[in-house]
């Protein structure tokens, strides 16, 4: 979206200045590498936007935005190790380009650097931001553990899955927006409502990610297409297919999720076919729409201009219909 370009450009400049290669090179080069890969940078952009929309200069929220982006990249480095993922944003993952130990240590350093950005705020703001950040970071870890636990369970419910992606992904989106509101000194009510907006938008965002993993364009998506299927991840598509599919579809899907073929292309193709024929793909799209609408429903309770409210609605629609 063109109206977000000013935030994106300002953020990219500050990231380049803040994450530089220094000694020891083996520690800092991976940090610079993953930041240089770009990505959507959704979360820090929302921090800047939120601060701007509540009547303060978005530049005041830059340090909070940088903290959010570095924390997100830290989590990606570690997630990629756990998932044994070969690609991130269309390029080699950190642990593949270097090694697992280097990736773990560089990720840890990135987390510490993220916290340091809050030190640039005066004490009362520092306390509020750091408290929210710590709570959110712990929830992200809890969400990741739920995700790991689900890999060995055959009885994961849709509500449990939504809770997992809420913690693993959505709480950071909500916190990103609330940080902007905190820096802008918005009312407590506005802070909480913008947090709720971001959290629901984050759930819709992750559900769209699940959908794109199976049905996205590999040239646009930036990750290995069908990666969740290869890893036998029980995403919303799998859960809905197991709930809504015929006995034959359920049996076939269970069998496909019990194997790890050397050439997974046929497995991916067959699983995708079941996702479509069982109605799981369409139902997933409906869930994406539902959570986007839930996000929009709180916008009337937030003290921002009608023009800015429409930007947030358009942003949600963009995320809901994205192909990357």
C-alpha atoms as a PDB file:
ATOM      1  CA  UNK A   1       0.000   0.000   0.000  1.00  0.00           C
ATOM      2  CA  UNK A   2       1.431   3.341  -1.093  1.00  0.00           C
ATOM      3  CA  UNK A   3       0.426   5.252   2.055  1.00  0.00           C
ATOM      4  CA  UNK A   4       2.643   2.960   4.127  1.00  0.00           C
ATOM      5  CA  UNK A   5       5.743   3.608   2.051  1.00  0.00           C
ATOM      6  CA  UNK A   6       6.992   6.451   4.258  1.00  0.00           C
ATOM      7  CA  UNK A   7       7.039   4.146   7.290  1.00  0.00           C
ATOM      8  CA  UNK A   8       8.733   1.371   5.346  1.00  0.00           C
ATOM      9  CA  UNK A   9      11.468   3.603   3.956  1.00  0.00           C
ATOM     10  CA  UNK A  10      12.190   5.271   7.294  1.00  0.00           C
ATOM     11  CA  UNK A  11      12.320   1.887   9.012  1.00  0.00           C
ATOM     12  CA  UNK A  12      14.670   0.418   6.399  1.00  0.00           C
ATOM     13  CA  UNK A  13      17.060   3.344   6.825  1.00  0.00           C
ATOM     14  CA  UNK A  14      17.122   3.021  10.615  1.00  0.00           C
ATOM     15  CA  UNK A  15      17.550  -0.747  10.453  1.00  0.00           C
ATOM     16  CA  UNK A  16      20.539  -0.330   8.173  1.00  0.00           C
ATOM     17  CA  UNK A  17      22.084   2.121  10.637  1.00  0.00           C
ATOM     18  CA  UNK A  18      21.299   0.012  13.712  1.00  0.00           C
ATOM     19  CA  UNK A  19      22.280  -3.480  12.585  1.00  0.00           C
ATOM     20  CA  UNK A  20      25.854  -3.386  11.334  1.00  0.00           C
ATOM     21  CA  UNK A  21      28.561  -6.002  11.002  1.00  0.00           C
ATOM     22  CA  UNK A  22      31.259  -5.693  13.670  1.00  0.00           C
ATOM     23  CA  UNK A  23      33.537  -7.955  15.672  1.00  0.00           C
ATOM     24  CA  UNK A  24      33.066 -10.803  16.164  1.00  0.00           C
ATOM     25  CA  UNK A  25      31.911 -11.035  12.547  1.00  0.00           C
ATOM     26  CA  UNK A  26      30.545 -14.566  12.978  1.00  0.00           C
ATOM     27  CA  UNK A  27      28.040 -13.210  15.536  1.00  0.00           C
ATOM     28  CA  UNK A  28      26.920 -10.043  13.762  1.00  0.00           C
ATOM     29  CA  UNK A  29      27.035 -11.026  10.103  1.00  0.00           C
ATOM     30  CA  UNK A  30      23.977 -13.348  10.406  1.00  0.00           C
ATOM     31  CA  UNK A  31      22.026 -10.493  12.056  1.00  0.00           C
ATOM     32  CA  UNK A  32      22.798  -8.177   9.182  1.00  0.00           C
ATOM     33  CA  UNK A  33      21.998 -10.955   6.721  1.00  0.00           C
ATOM     34  CA  UNK A  34      18.480 -11.740   7.944  1.00  0.00           C
ATOM     35  CA  UNK A  35      17.590  -8.052   8.281  1.00  0.00           C
ATOM     36  CA  UNK A  36      18.840  -7.444   4.733  1.00  0.00           C
ATOM     37  CA  UNK A  37      16.359 -10.026   3.420  1.00  0.00           C
ATOM     38  CA  UNK A  38      13.608  -7.484   3.980  1.00  0.00           C
ATOM     39  CA  UNK A  39      10.209  -9.108   4.272  1.00  0.00           C
ATOM     40  CA  UNK A  40       6.873  -7.401   4.842  1.00  0.00           C
ATOM     41  CA  UNK A  41       7.969  -5.751   8.120  1.00  0.00           C
ATOM     42  CA  UNK A  42       4.312  -5.662   9.041  1.00  0.00           C
ATOM     43  CA  UNK A  43       4.779  -5.373  12.794  1.00  0.00           C
ATOM     44  CA  UNK A  44       7.164  -2.398  13.049  1.00  0.00           C
ATOM     45  CA  UNK A  45       5.231  -0.561  10.336  1.00  0.00           C
ATOM     46  CA  UNK A  46       2.112  -0.958  12.474  1.00  0.00           C
ATOM     47  CA  UNK A  47       4.003   0.498  15.459  1.00  0.00           C
ATOM     48  CA  UNK A  48       4.905   3.598  13.447  1.00  0.00           C
ATOM     49  CA  UNK A  49       1.433   3.859  11.936  1.00  0.00           C
ATOM     50  CA  UNK A  50      -0.280   3.570  15.307  1.00  0.00           C
ATOM     51  CA  UNK A  51       1.840   6.331  16.823  1.00  0.00           C
ATOM     52  CA  UNK A  52       1.196   8.540  13.786  1.00  0.00           C
ATOM     53  CA  UNK A  53      -2.569   7.914  13.817  1.00  0.00           C
ATOM     54  CA  UNK A  54      -2.820   8.878  17.489  1.00  0.00           C
ATOM     55  CA  UNK A  55      -1.426  12.306  16.713  1.00  0.00           C
ATOM     56  CA  UNK A  56       2.280  11.961  17.463  1.00  0.00           C
ATOM     57  CA  UNK A  57       5.257  11.886  15.129  1.00  0.00           C
ATOM     58  CA  UNK A  58       5.867   8.335  13.989  1.00  0.00           C
ATOM     59  CA  UNK A  59       9.593   8.950  14.451  1.00  0.00           C
ATOM     60  CA  UNK A  60       9.046   8.920  18.236  1.00  0.00           C
ATOM     61  CA  UNK A  61       8.054   5.250  17.934  1.00  0.00           C
ATOM     62  CA  UNK A  62      11.048   4.271  15.786  1.00  0.00           C
ATOM     63  CA  UNK A  63      13.033   2.685  18.630  1.00  0.00           C
ATOM     64  CA  UNK A  64      10.001   0.617  19.672  1.00  0.00           C
ATOM     65  CA  UNK A  65       9.495  -0.398  16.038  1.00  0.00           C
ATOM     66  CA  UNK A  66      13.128  -1.479  15.739  1.00  0.00           C
ATOM     67  CA  UNK A  67      12.777  -3.554  18.909  1.00  0.00           C
ATOM     68  CA  UNK A  68       9.706  -5.261  17.456  1.00  0.00           C
ATOM     69  CA  UNK A  69      11.447  -6.028  14.163  1.00  0.00           C
ATOM     70  CA  UNK A  70      14.584  -7.411  15.802  1.00  0.00           C
ATOM     71  CA  UNK A  71      12.522  -9.583  18.143  1.00  0.00           C
ATOM     72  CA  UNK A  72      10.520 -10.905  15.205  1.00  0.00           C
ATOM     73  CA  UNK A  73      13.692 -11.766  13.297  1.00  0.00           C
ATOM     74  CA  UNK A  74      15.154 -13.432  16.391  1.00  0.00           C
ATOM     75  CA  UNK A  75      12.066 -15.654  16.548  1.00  0.00           C
ATOM     76  CA  UNK A  76      12.354 -16.462  12.831  1.00  0.00           C
ATOM     77  CA  UNK A  77      15.968 -17.596  13.181  1.00  0.00           C
ATOM     78  CA  UNK A  78      15.036 -19.965  15.992  1.00  0.00           C
ATOM     79  CA  UNK A  79      11.794 -21.123  14.325  1.00  0.00           C
ATOM     80  CA  UNK A  80      13.712 -22.002  11.162  1.00  0.00           C
ATOM     81  CA  UNK A  81      16.126 -24.121  13.203  1.00  0.00           C
ATOM     82  CA  UNK A  82      13.261 -25.967  14.888  1.00  0.00           C
ATOM     83  CA  UNK A  83      11.448 -26.482  11.566  1.00  0.00           C
ATOM     84  CA  UNK A  84      14.664 -27.351   9.702  1.00  0.00           C
ATOM     85  CA  UNK A  85      13.506 -24.842   7.098  1.00  0.00           C
ATOM     86  CA  UNK A  86      15.794 -24.354   4.067  1.00  0.00           C
ATOM     87  CA  UNK A  87      14.387 -20.998   2.929  1.00  0.00           C
ATOM     88  CA  UNK A  88      13.342 -17.725   4.496  1.00  0.00           C
ATOM     89  CA  UNK A  89      12.063 -14.890   2.312  1.00  0.00           C
ATOM     90  CA  UNK A  90      13.257 -16.820  -0.716  1.00  0.00           C
ATOM     91  CA  UNK A  91      16.851 -17.060   0.524  1.00  0.00           C
ATOM     92  CA  UNK A  92      18.897 -19.581   2.520  1.00  0.00           C
ATOM     93  CA  UNK A  93      18.039 -19.633   6.227  1.00  0.00           C
ATOM     94  CA  UNK A  94      20.673 -18.524   8.746  1.00  0.00           C
ATOM     95  CA  UNK A  95      21.329 -21.999  10.164  1.00  0.00           C
ATOM     96  CA  UNK A  96      21.816 -23.388   6.637  1.00  0.00           C
ATOM     97  CA  UNK A  97      24.067 -20.556   5.489  1.00  0.00           C
ATOM     98  CA  UNK A  98      26.234 -20.750   8.635  1.00  0.00           C
ATOM     99  CA  UNK A  99      25.427 -23.502  11.149  1.00  0.00           C
ATOM    100  CA  UNK A 100      22.951 -24.186  13.953  1.00  0.00           C
ATOM    101  CA  UNK A 101      25.196 -22.966  16.800  1.00  0.00           C
ATOM    102  CA  UNK A 102      25.911 -19.686  15.027  1.00  0.00           C
ATOM    103  CA  UNK A 103      22.202 -19.195  14.331  1.00  0.00           C
ATOM    104  CA  UNK A 104      21.255 -19.802  17.977  1.00  0.00           C
ATOM    105  CA  UNK A 105      23.850 -17.378  19.301  1.00  0.00           C
ATOM    106  CA  UNK A 106      23.108 -14.693  16.714  1.00  0.00           C
ATOM    107  CA  UNK A 107      19.412 -15.015  17.470  1.00  0.00           C
ATOM    108  CA  UNK A 108      20.114 -14.550  21.168  1.00  0.00           C
ATOM    109  CA  UNK A 109      22.153 -11.431  20.407  1.00  0.00           C
ATOM    110  CA  UNK A 110      19.298 -10.063  18.313  1.00  0.00           C
ATOM    111  CA  UNK A 111      16.890 -10.482  21.229  1.00  0.00           C
ATOM    112  CA  UNK A 112      19.222  -8.557  23.549  1.00  0.00           C
ATOM    113  CA  UNK A 113      19.644  -5.785  20.976  1.00  0.00           C
ATOM    114  CA  UNK A 114      15.852  -5.547  20.733  1.00  0.00           C
ATOM    115  CA  UNK A 115      15.566  -4.825  24.457  1.00  0.00           C
ATOM    116  CA  UNK A 116      18.297  -2.188  24.255  1.00  0.00           C
ATOM    117  CA  UNK A 117      16.173   0.018  21.991  1.00  0.00           C
ATOM    118  CA  UNK A 118      13.718   0.632  24.838  1.00  0.00           C
ATOM    119  CA  UNK A 119      16.534   2.220  26.825  1.00  0.00           C
ATOM    120  CA  UNK A 120      16.197   5.293  24.593  1.00  0.00           C
ATOM    121  CA  UNK A 121      12.835   6.191  26.180  1.00  0.00           C
ATOM    122  CA  UNK A 122      12.361   8.084  29.425  1.00  0.00           C
ATOM    123  CA  UNK A 123      11.749   5.873  32.505  1.00  0.00           C
ATOM    124  CA  UNK A 124       7.945   5.763  32.591  1.00  0.00           C
ATOM    125  CA  UNK A 125       7.676   4.942  28.886  1.00  0.00           C
ATOM    126  CA  UNK A 126      10.523   2.454  29.156  1.00  0.00           C
ATOM    127  CA  UNK A 127       8.664   0.641  31.936  1.00  0.00           C
ATOM    128  CA  UNK A 128       5.390   0.433  29.986  1.00  0.00           C
ATOM    129  CA  UNK A 129       7.029  -0.683  26.759  1.00  0.00           C
ATOM    130  CA  UNK A 130       9.361  -3.213  28.364  1.00  0.00           C
ATOM    131  CA  UNK A 131       6.543  -4.688  30.456  1.00  0.00           C
ATOM    132  CA  UNK A 132       4.360  -5.214  27.367  1.00  0.00           C
ATOM    133  CA  UNK A 133       7.315  -6.517  25.379  1.00  0.00           C
ATOM    134  CA  UNK A 134       8.291  -9.076  28.036  1.00  0.00           C
ATOM    135  CA  UNK A 135       4.728 -10.332  28.404  1.00  0.00           C
ATOM    136  CA  UNK A 136       4.397 -10.644  24.633  1.00  0.00           C
ATOM    137  CA  UNK A 137       7.767 -12.373  24.198  1.00  0.00           C
ATOM    138  CA  UNK A 138       6.802 -14.992  26.772  1.00  0.00           C
ATOM    139  CA  UNK A 139       3.453 -15.562  25.048  1.00  0.00           C
ATOM    140  CA  UNK A 140       5.266 -16.064  21.738  1.00  0.00           C
ATOM    141  CA  UNK A 141       7.401 -18.751  23.391  1.00  0.00           C
ATOM    142  CA  UNK A 142       4.266 -20.376  24.806  1.00  0.00           C
ATOM    143  CA  UNK A 143       2.703 -20.346  21.356  1.00  0.00           C
ATOM    144  CA  UNK A 144       5.786 -21.960  19.873  1.00  0.00           C
ATOM    145  CA  UNK A 145       5.641 -24.697  22.520  1.00  0.00           C
ATOM    146  CA  UNK A 146       1.971 -25.336  21.746  1.00  0.00           C
ATOM    147  CA  UNK A 147       2.973 -25.640  18.082  1.00  0.00           C
ATOM    148  CA  UNK A 148       5.651 -28.200  18.949  1.00  0.00           C
ATOM    149  CA  UNK A 149       3.255 -30.143  21.202  1.00  0.00           C
ATOM    150  CA  UNK A 150       0.641 -30.327  18.447  1.00  0.00           C
ATOM    151  CA  UNK A 151       3.067 -32.197  16.195  1.00  0.00           C
ATOM    152  CA  UNK A 152       2.678 -35.334  18.337  1.00  0.00           C
ATOM    153  CA  UNK A 153      -1.054 -35.010  19.022  1.00  0.00           C
ATOM    154  CA  UNK A 154      -3.922 -36.342  16.927  1.00  0.00           C
ATOM    155  CA  UNK A 155      -6.685 -34.594  18.857  1.00  0.00           C
ATOM    156  CA  UNK A 156      -5.913 -30.897  18.310  1.00  0.00           C
ATOM    157  CA  UNK A 157      -9.133 -28.855  18.164  1.00  0.00           C
ATOM    158  CA  UNK A 158      -9.701 -25.773  16.058  1.00  0.00           C
ATOM    159  CA  UNK A 159     -10.022 -23.626  19.202  1.00  0.00           C
ATOM    160  CA  UNK A 160      -6.666 -24.908  20.457  1.00  0.00           C
ATOM    161  CA  UNK A 161      -5.115 -24.123  17.109  1.00  0.00           C
ATOM    162  CA  UNK A 162      -6.474 -20.567  17.144  1.00  0.00           C
ATOM    163  CA  UNK A 163      -5.030 -20.086  20.647  1.00  0.00           C
ATOM    164  CA  UNK A 164      -1.661 -21.329  19.412  1.00  0.00           C
ATOM    165  CA  UNK A 165      -1.476 -18.890  16.485  1.00  0.00           C
ATOM    166  CA  UNK A 166      -2.864 -16.134  18.693  1.00  0.00           C
ATOM    167  CA  UNK A 167       0.106 -16.535  21.026  1.00  0.00           C
ATOM    168  CA  UNK A 168       2.726 -17.418  18.439  1.00  0.00           C
ATOM    169  CA  UNK A 169       1.847 -14.658  15.958  1.00  0.00           C
ATOM    170  CA  UNK A 170      -1.093 -12.415  16.808  1.00  0.00           C
ATOM    171  CA  UNK A 171      -0.060 -11.095  20.227  1.00  0.00           C
ATOM    172  CA  UNK A 172       3.045  -9.522  18.696  1.00  0.00           C
ATOM    173  CA  UNK A 173       0.935  -7.767  16.056  1.00  0.00           C
ATOM    174  CA  UNK A 174      -1.348  -6.429  18.786  1.00  0.00           C
ATOM    175  CA  UNK A 175       1.581  -5.387  20.957  1.00  0.00           C
ATOM    176  CA  UNK A 176       3.230  -3.643  18.010  1.00  0.00           C
ATOM    177  CA  UNK A 177       0.194  -1.409  17.582  1.00  0.00           C
ATOM    178  CA  UNK A 178      -0.200  -0.835  21.309  1.00  0.00           C
ATOM    179  CA  UNK A 179       3.438   0.273  21.566  1.00  0.00           C
ATOM    180  CA  UNK A 180       2.777   2.991  19.024  1.00  0.00           C
ATOM    181  CA  UNK A 181      -0.236   4.101  21.042  1.00  0.00           C
ATOM    182  CA  UNK A 182       1.791   4.089  24.265  1.00  0.00           C
ATOM    183  CA  UNK A 183       4.516   6.276  22.753  1.00  0.00           C
ATOM    184  CA  UNK A 184       1.826   8.647  21.426  1.00  0.00           C
ATOM    185  CA  UNK A 185       0.320   8.761  24.939  1.00  0.00           C
ATOM    186  CA  UNK A 186      -3.102   7.669  23.699  1.00  0.00           C
ATOM    187  CA  UNK A 187      -5.809   6.902  26.257  1.00  0.00           C
ATOM    188  CA  UNK A 188      -5.819   3.515  27.969  1.00  0.00           C
ATOM    189  CA  UNK A 189      -9.060   2.702  26.137  1.00  0.00           C
ATOM    190  CA  UNK A 190      -7.474   3.472  22.777  1.00  0.00           C
ATOM    191  CA  UNK A 191      -4.377   1.463  23.684  1.00  0.00           C
ATOM    192  CA  UNK A 192      -6.481  -1.600  24.520  1.00  0.00           C
ATOM    193  CA  UNK A 193      -8.728  -1.284  21.467  1.00  0.00           C
ATOM    194  CA  UNK A 194      -5.854  -0.882  19.030  1.00  0.00           C
ATOM    195  CA  UNK A 195      -4.294  -3.933  20.684  1.00  0.00           C
ATOM    196  CA  UNK A 196      -7.512  -5.907  20.098  1.00  0.00           C
ATOM    197  CA  UNK A 197      -7.600  -4.730  16.484  1.00  0.00           C
ATOM    198  CA  UNK A 198      -4.016  -5.848  15.912  1.00  0.00           C
ATOM    199  CA  UNK A 199      -4.479  -9.163  17.664  1.00  0.00           C
ATOM    200  CA  UNK A 200      -7.470 -10.157  15.522  1.00  0.00           C
ATOM    201  CA  UNK A 201      -5.670  -8.943  12.427  1.00  0.00           C
ATOM    202  CA  UNK A 202      -2.713 -11.092  13.464  1.00  0.00           C
ATOM    203  CA  UNK A 203      -4.873 -14.212  13.606  1.00  0.00           C
ATOM    204  CA  UNK A 204      -6.230 -13.463  10.133  1.00  0.00           C
ATOM    205  CA  UNK A 205      -2.668 -12.861   8.936  1.00  0.00           C
ATOM    206  CA  UNK A 206      -1.449 -16.247  10.198  1.00  0.00           C
ATOM    207  CA  UNK A 207      -4.456 -18.083   8.766  1.00  0.00           C
ATOM    208  CA  UNK A 208      -3.667 -16.479   5.409  1.00  0.00           C
ATOM    209  CA  UNK A 209      -0.069 -17.653   5.818  1.00  0.00           C
ATOM    210  CA  UNK A 210      -1.337 -21.201   6.387  1.00  0.00           C
ATOM    211  CA  UNK A 211      -3.462 -20.932   3.275  1.00  0.00           C
ATOM    212  CA  UNK A 212      -0.622 -19.542   1.153  1.00  0.00           C
ATOM    213  CA  UNK A 213       1.747 -22.282   2.309  1.00  0.00           C
ATOM    214  CA  UNK A 214      -0.415 -24.714   0.361  1.00  0.00           C
ATOM    215  CA  UNK A 215      -2.006 -22.565  -2.324  1.00  0.00           C
ATOM    216  CA  UNK A 216       0.391 -19.643  -2.771  1.00  0.00           C
ATOM    217  CA  UNK A 217       2.611 -18.838  -5.724  1.00  0.00           C
ATOM    218  CA  UNK A 218       6.127 -20.099  -4.876  1.00  0.00           C
ATOM    219  CA  UNK A 219       7.664 -17.147  -6.747  1.00  0.00           C
ATOM    220  CA  UNK A 220       5.803 -14.696  -4.514  1.00  0.00           C
ATOM    221  CA  UNK A 221       5.515 -16.554  -1.213  1.00  0.00           C
ATOM    222  CA  UNK A 222       9.246 -16.593  -0.403  1.00  0.00           C
ATOM    223  CA  UNK A 223       9.157 -19.894   1.464  1.00  0.00           C
ATOM    224  CA  UNK A 224       9.073 -23.491   0.378  1.00  0.00           C
ATOM    225  CA  UNK A 225       5.575 -24.168  -0.967  1.00  0.00           C
ATOM    226  CA  UNK A 226       3.936 -27.016   0.913  1.00  0.00           C
ATOM    227  CA  UNK A 227       6.439 -26.733   3.756  1.00  0.00           C
ATOM    228  CA  UNK A 228       3.726 -27.308   6.366  1.00  0.00           C
ATOM    229  CA  UNK A 229       2.556 -30.407   4.484  1.00  0.00           C
ATOM    230  CA  UNK A 230       6.097 -31.781   4.233  1.00  0.00           C
ATOM    231  CA  UNK A 231       6.535 -31.249   7.994  1.00  0.00           C
ATOM    232  CA  UNK A 232       3.115 -32.812   8.730  1.00  0.00           C
ATOM    233  CA  UNK A 233       2.033 -29.617  10.485  1.00  0.00           C
ATOM    234  CA  UNK A 234      -1.598 -29.689  11.562  1.00  0.00           C
ATOM    235  CA  UNK A 235      -2.614 -26.260  10.287  1.00  0.00           C
ATOM    236  CA  UNK A 236      -6.205 -25.044  10.052  1.00  0.00           C
ATOM    237  CA  UNK A 237      -6.445 -26.636   6.594  1.00  0.00           C
ATOM    238  CA  UNK A 238      -5.609 -30.055   8.017  1.00  0.00           C
ATOM    239  CA  UNK A 239      -7.906 -29.676  11.034  1.00  0.00           C
ATOM    240  CA  UNK A 240     -10.881 -28.598   8.908  1.00  0.00           C
ATOM    241  CA  UNK A 241     -10.260 -31.352   6.373  1.00  0.00           C
ATOM    242  CA  UNK A 242     -10.222 -33.941   9.180  1.00  0.00           C
ATOM    243  CA  UNK A 243     -13.416 -32.432  10.611  1.00  0.00           C
ATOM    244  CA  UNK A 244     -15.376 -31.959   7.377  1.00  0.00           C
ATOM    245  CA  UNK A 245     -13.929 -34.601   5.062  1.00  0.00           C
ATOM    246  CA  UNK A 246     -15.461 -37.943   4.109  1.00  0.00           C
ATOM    247  CA  UNK A 247     -14.232 -41.131   5.754  1.00  0.00           C
ATOM    248  CA  UNK A 248     -12.158 -41.877   2.663  1.00  0.00           C
ATOM    249  CA  UNK A 249     -10.605 -38.389   2.660  1.00  0.00           C
ATOM    250  CA  UNK A 250      -9.822 -38.597   6.375  1.00  0.00           C
ATOM    251  CA  UNK A 251      -8.162 -41.990   5.994  1.00  0.00           C
ATOM    252  CA  UNK A 252      -6.116 -40.833   3.022  1.00  0.00           C
ATOM    253  CA  UNK A 253      -5.058 -37.619   4.752  1.00  0.00           C
ATOM    254  CA  UNK A 254      -4.062 -39.509   7.909  1.00  0.00           C
ATOM    255  CA  UNK A 255      -1.941 -41.822   5.812  1.00  0.00           C
ATOM    256  CA  UNK A 256      -0.273 -38.976   3.938  1.00  0.00           C
ATOM    257  CA  UNK A 257       0.562 -37.245   7.237  1.00  0.00           C
ATOM    258  CA  UNK A 258       2.278 -40.378   8.517  1.00  0.00           C
ATOM    259  CA  UNK A 259       4.930 -40.535   5.794  1.00  0.00           C
ATOM    260  CA  UNK A 260       8.056 -38.570   4.894  1.00  0.00           C
ATOM    261  CA  UNK A 261       8.818 -39.427   1.222  1.00  0.00           C
ATOM    262  CA  UNK A 262      12.163 -38.425  -0.277  1.00  0.00           C
ATOM    263  CA  UNK A 263      10.320 -36.685  -3.101  1.00  0.00           C
ATOM    264  CA  UNK A 264       7.341 -34.958  -1.436  1.00  0.00           C
ATOM    265  CA  UNK A 265       5.774 -33.468  -4.592  1.00  0.00           C
ATOM    266  CA  UNK A 266       3.108 -36.170  -4.932  1.00  0.00           C
ATOM    267  CA  UNK A 267       2.281 -35.948  -1.222  1.00  0.00           C
ATOM    268  CA  UNK A 268       1.834 -32.158  -1.479  1.00  0.00           C
ATOM    269  CA  UNK A 269      -0.366 -32.513  -4.562  1.00  0.00           C
ATOM    270  CA  UNK A 270      -2.604 -35.164  -2.963  1.00  0.00           C
ATOM    271  CA  UNK A 271      -2.956 -33.280   0.327  1.00  0.00           C
ATOM    272  CA  UNK A 272      -3.860 -30.064  -1.488  1.00  0.00           C
ATOM    273  CA  UNK A 273      -6.506 -31.952  -3.440  1.00  0.00           C
ATOM    274  CA  UNK A 274      -8.075 -33.164  -0.194  1.00  0.00           C
ATOM    275  CA  UNK A 275      -7.936 -29.661   1.283  1.00  0.00           C
ATOM    276  CA  UNK A 276      -9.960 -28.410  -1.682  1.00  0.00           C
ATOM    277  CA  UNK A 277     -12.411 -31.299  -2.131  1.00  0.00           C
ATOM    278  CA  UNK A 278     -13.236 -31.507   1.590  1.00  0.00           C
ATOM    279  CA  UNK A 279     -14.107 -27.811   1.694  1.00  0.00           C
ATOM    280  CA  UNK A 280     -11.232 -27.019   4.076  1.00  0.00           C
ATOM    281  CA  UNK A 281      -9.709 -24.440   1.717  1.00  0.00           C
ATOM    282  CA  UNK A 282     -12.969 -22.497   1.408  1.00  0.00           C
ATOM    283  CA  UNK A 283     -13.659 -22.717   5.137  1.00  0.00           C
ATOM    284  CA  UNK A 284     -10.163 -21.381   5.853  1.00  0.00           C
ATOM    285  CA  UNK A 285     -10.858 -18.387   3.635  1.00  0.00           C
ATOM    286  CA  UNK A 286     -14.064 -17.812   5.614  1.00  0.00           C
ATOM    287  CA  UNK A 287     -12.107 -17.834   8.888  1.00  0.00           C
ATOM    288  CA  UNK A 288      -9.667 -15.274   7.481  1.00  0.00           C
ATOM    289  CA  UNK A 289     -12.604 -13.014   6.598  1.00  0.00           C
ATOM    290  CA  UNK A 290     -14.166 -13.553  10.054  1.00  0.00           C
ATOM    291  CA  UNK A 291     -11.106 -12.427  11.993  1.00  0.00           C
ATOM    292  CA  UNK A 292     -10.504  -9.487   9.676  1.00  0.00           C
ATOM    293  CA  UNK A 293     -14.070  -8.351  10.348  1.00  0.00           C
ATOM    294  CA  UNK A 294     -13.590  -8.857  14.101  1.00  0.00           C
ATOM    295  CA  UNK A 295     -10.603  -6.528  13.883  1.00  0.00           C
ATOM    296  CA  UNK A 296     -12.589  -3.897  12.012  1.00  0.00           C
ATOM    297  CA  UNK A 297     -15.460  -4.067  14.509  1.00  0.00           C
ATOM    298  CA  UNK A 298     -13.410  -2.332  17.226  1.00  0.00           C
ATOM    299  CA  UNK A 299     -12.300   0.588  15.051  1.00  0.00           C
ATOM    300  CA  UNK A 300     -15.322   2.737  15.929  1.00  0.00           C
ATOM    301  CA  UNK A 301     -14.161   2.654  19.561  1.00  0.00           C
ATOM    302  CA  UNK A 302     -10.777   4.182  18.706  1.00  0.00           C
ATOM    303  CA  UNK A 303     -10.214   7.957  18.702  1.00  0.00           C
ATOM    304  CA  UNK A 304      -8.621   8.404  15.277  1.00  0.00           C
ATOM    305  CA  UNK A 305      -9.765  10.255  12.180  1.00  0.00           C
ATOM    306  CA  UNK A 306     -12.157   8.640   9.716  1.00  0.00           C
ATOM    307  CA  UNK A 307      -9.410   8.782   7.080  1.00  0.00           C
ATOM    308  CA  UNK A 308      -7.011   6.850   9.291  1.00  0.00           C
ATOM    309  CA  UNK A 309      -9.748   4.402  10.249  1.00  0.00           C
ATOM    310  CA  UNK A 310     -10.256   3.670   6.549  1.00  0.00           C
ATOM    311  CA  UNK A 311      -6.517   3.140   6.088  1.00  0.00           C
ATOM    312  CA  UNK A 312      -6.639   0.452   8.788  1.00  0.00           C
ATOM    313  CA  UNK A 313      -9.635  -1.203   7.115  1.00  0.00           C
ATOM    314  CA  UNK A 314      -7.858  -1.128   3.749  1.00  0.00           C
ATOM    315  CA  UNK A 315      -4.728  -2.532   5.374  1.00  0.00           C
ATOM    316  CA  UNK A 316      -6.700  -5.453   6.799  1.00  0.00           C
ATOM    317  CA  UNK A 317      -8.247  -6.121   3.396  1.00  0.00           C
ATOM    318  CA  UNK A 318      -4.798  -6.032   1.817  1.00  0.00           C
ATOM    319  CA  UNK A 319      -3.468  -8.588   4.306  1.00  0.00           C
ATOM    320  CA  UNK A 320      -6.509 -10.794   3.811  1.00  0.00           C
ATOM    321  CA  UNK A 321      -6.037 -10.890   0.044  1.00  0.00           C
ATOM    322  CA  UNK A 322      -2.241 -10.868  -0.153  1.00  0.00           C
ATOM    323  CA  UNK A 323      -0.303 -13.424  -2.177  1.00  0.00           C
ATOM    324  CA  UNK A 324       3.036 -13.053  -0.359  1.00  0.00           C
END
